[in-house]
């Protein structure tokens, strides 16, 4: 796969990994460093690669772009809730 283009600030988006989270419709969560760094053209490129590589031609897909800060916040919240109980 191609690397995403670099932004004006010199930051580049990183796609760490992806996983399928649902089957109807096929839904994928892509874990990235910052979803804002991925432009619409690169998002379409990734969707097209998933369609062609996994045989989802003509099937609606849902892609969720999940950033590192979002993951860390959810993990911290879950830890706080388990400590209270």
C-alpha atoms as a PDB file:
ATOM      1  CA  UNK A   1       0.000   0.000   0.000  1.00  0.00           C
ATOM      2  CA  UNK A   2       1.044   3.551  -0.567  1.00  0.00           C
ATOM      3  CA  UNK A   3       1.969   5.800   2.332  1.00  0.00           C
ATOM      4  CA  UNK A   4      -0.379   8.717   3.001  1.00  0.00           C
ATOM      5  CA  UNK A   5       0.877  12.129   1.900  1.00  0.00           C
ATOM      6  CA  UNK A   6       2.654  14.371   4.386  1.00  0.00           C
ATOM      7  CA  UNK A   7       0.698  17.350   5.707  1.00  0.00           C
ATOM      8  CA  UNK A   8       1.924  20.943   5.711  1.00  0.00           C
ATOM      9  CA  UNK A   9       3.170  20.611   9.264  1.00  0.00           C
ATOM     10  CA  UNK A  10       5.364  17.696   8.231  1.00  0.00           C
ATOM     11  CA  UNK A  11       3.270  15.086  10.031  1.00  0.00           C
ATOM     12  CA  UNK A  12       2.363  11.892   8.249  1.00  0.00           C
ATOM     13  CA  UNK A  13      -0.514   9.581   9.015  1.00  0.00           C
ATOM     14  CA  UNK A  14       0.335   6.049  10.043  1.00  0.00           C
ATOM     15  CA  UNK A  15      -1.969   3.118   9.573  1.00  0.00           C
ATOM     16  CA  UNK A  16      -1.033   0.640  12.298  1.00  0.00           C
ATOM     17  CA  UNK A  17      -3.522  -2.143  11.613  1.00  0.00           C
ATOM     18  CA  UNK A  18      -7.154  -2.839  10.836  1.00  0.00           C
ATOM     19  CA  UNK A  19      -9.687  -5.392  11.932  1.00  0.00           C
ATOM     20  CA  UNK A  20     -13.139  -6.415  10.780  1.00  0.00           C
ATOM     21  CA  UNK A  21     -15.665  -5.588  13.488  1.00  0.00           C
ATOM     22  CA  UNK A  22     -18.963  -6.540  11.816  1.00  0.00           C
ATOM     23  CA  UNK A  23     -20.145  -8.564   8.859  1.00  0.00           C
ATOM     24  CA  UNK A  24     -23.502  -7.009   7.901  1.00  0.00           C
ATOM     25  CA  UNK A  25     -22.542  -4.619   6.435  1.00  0.00           C
ATOM     26  CA  UNK A  26     -18.830  -5.390   6.424  1.00  0.00           C
ATOM     27  CA  UNK A  27     -17.267  -2.920   8.856  1.00  0.00           C
ATOM     28  CA  UNK A  28     -13.615  -2.334   9.567  1.00  0.00           C
ATOM     29  CA  UNK A  29     -11.855  -0.340  12.256  1.00  0.00           C
ATOM     30  CA  UNK A  30      -8.523   1.081  11.161  1.00  0.00           C
ATOM     31  CA  UNK A  31      -6.150   2.039  13.957  1.00  0.00           C
ATOM     32  CA  UNK A  32      -4.105   5.101  13.044  1.00  0.00           C
ATOM     33  CA  UNK A  33      -2.022   7.736  14.802  1.00  0.00           C
ATOM     34  CA  UNK A  34      -4.414  10.623  13.954  1.00  0.00           C
ATOM     35  CA  UNK A  35      -7.496  10.289  11.711  1.00  0.00           C
ATOM     36  CA  UNK A  36      -7.279  13.974  10.745  1.00  0.00           C
ATOM     37  CA  UNK A  37      -4.052  13.293   8.845  1.00  0.00           C
ATOM     38  CA  UNK A  38      -5.827  11.106   6.286  1.00  0.00           C
ATOM     39  CA  UNK A  39      -7.453  13.034   3.465  1.00  0.00           C
ATOM     40  CA  UNK A  40     -10.519  11.943   1.566  1.00  0.00           C
ATOM     41  CA  UNK A  41      -8.505  10.682  -1.415  1.00  0.00           C
ATOM     42  CA  UNK A  42      -6.383   8.393   0.768  1.00  0.00           C
ATOM     43  CA  UNK A  43      -9.500   7.113   2.550  1.00  0.00           C
ATOM     44  CA  UNK A  44     -11.030   6.214  -0.817  1.00  0.00           C
ATOM     45  CA  UNK A  45      -7.766   4.519  -1.784  1.00  0.00           C
ATOM     46  CA  UNK A  46      -7.827   2.358   1.371  1.00  0.00           C
ATOM     47  CA  UNK A  47     -11.482   1.476   0.814  1.00  0.00           C
ATOM     48  CA  UNK A  48     -10.723   0.479  -2.784  1.00  0.00           C
ATOM     49  CA  UNK A  49      -7.794  -1.697  -1.655  1.00  0.00           C
ATOM     50  CA  UNK A  50     -10.024  -3.481   0.869  1.00  0.00           C
ATOM     51  CA  UNK A  51     -12.728  -4.003  -1.760  1.00  0.00           C
ATOM     52  CA  UNK A  52     -10.332  -5.421  -4.344  1.00  0.00           C
ATOM     53  CA  UNK A  53      -8.202  -7.437  -1.929  1.00  0.00           C
ATOM     54  CA  UNK A  54     -11.026  -9.043   0.026  1.00  0.00           C
ATOM     55  CA  UNK A  55     -13.658  -9.361  -2.704  1.00  0.00           C
ATOM     56  CA  UNK A  56     -16.205  -6.803  -1.515  1.00  0.00           C
ATOM     57  CA  UNK A  57     -17.023  -5.452  -4.987  1.00  0.00           C
ATOM     58  CA  UNK A  58     -20.481  -3.849  -4.973  1.00  0.00           C
ATOM     59  CA  UNK A  59     -20.919  -4.322  -1.217  1.00  0.00           C
ATOM     60  CA  UNK A  60     -21.346  -1.306   1.067  1.00  0.00           C
ATOM     61  CA  UNK A  61     -18.444  -0.977   3.485  1.00  0.00           C
ATOM     62  CA  UNK A  62     -18.104   0.974   6.706  1.00  0.00           C
ATOM     63  CA  UNK A  63     -14.662   2.156   7.730  1.00  0.00           C
ATOM     64  CA  UNK A  64     -13.984   3.585  11.170  1.00  0.00           C
ATOM     65  CA  UNK A  65     -10.742   5.530  11.598  1.00  0.00           C
ATOM     66  CA  UNK A  66      -9.661   5.330  15.218  1.00  0.00           C
ATOM     67  CA  UNK A  67      -6.831   7.480  16.510  1.00  0.00           C
ATOM     68  CA  UNK A  68      -4.353   6.811  19.281  1.00  0.00           C
ATOM     69  CA  UNK A  69      -5.680   9.577  21.545  1.00  0.00           C
ATOM     70  CA  UNK A  70      -9.200   8.189  21.265  1.00  0.00           C
ATOM     71  CA  UNK A  71      -7.992   4.685  22.198  1.00  0.00           C
ATOM     72  CA  UNK A  72      -6.023   5.998  25.168  1.00  0.00           C
ATOM     73  CA  UNK A  73      -8.988   8.023  26.464  1.00  0.00           C
ATOM     74  CA  UNK A  74     -11.336   5.027  26.237  1.00  0.00           C
ATOM     75  CA  UNK A  75      -8.806   2.793  27.994  1.00  0.00           C
ATOM     76  CA  UNK A  76      -8.315   5.305  30.811  1.00  0.00           C
ATOM     77  CA  UNK A  77     -12.078   5.667  31.261  1.00  0.00           C
ATOM     78  CA  UNK A  78     -12.495   1.890  31.474  1.00  0.00           C
ATOM     79  CA  UNK A  79      -9.732   1.689  34.087  1.00  0.00           C
ATOM     80  CA  UNK A  80     -11.365   4.394  36.191  1.00  0.00           C
ATOM     81  CA  UNK A  81     -14.717   2.624  36.085  1.00  0.00           C
ATOM     82  CA  UNK A  82     -13.224  -0.698  37.182  1.00  0.00           C
ATOM     83  CA  UNK A  83     -11.461   0.981  40.117  1.00  0.00           C
ATOM     84  CA  UNK A  84     -14.729   2.477  41.385  1.00  0.00           C
ATOM     85  CA  UNK A  85     -16.479  -0.888  41.571  1.00  0.00           C
END
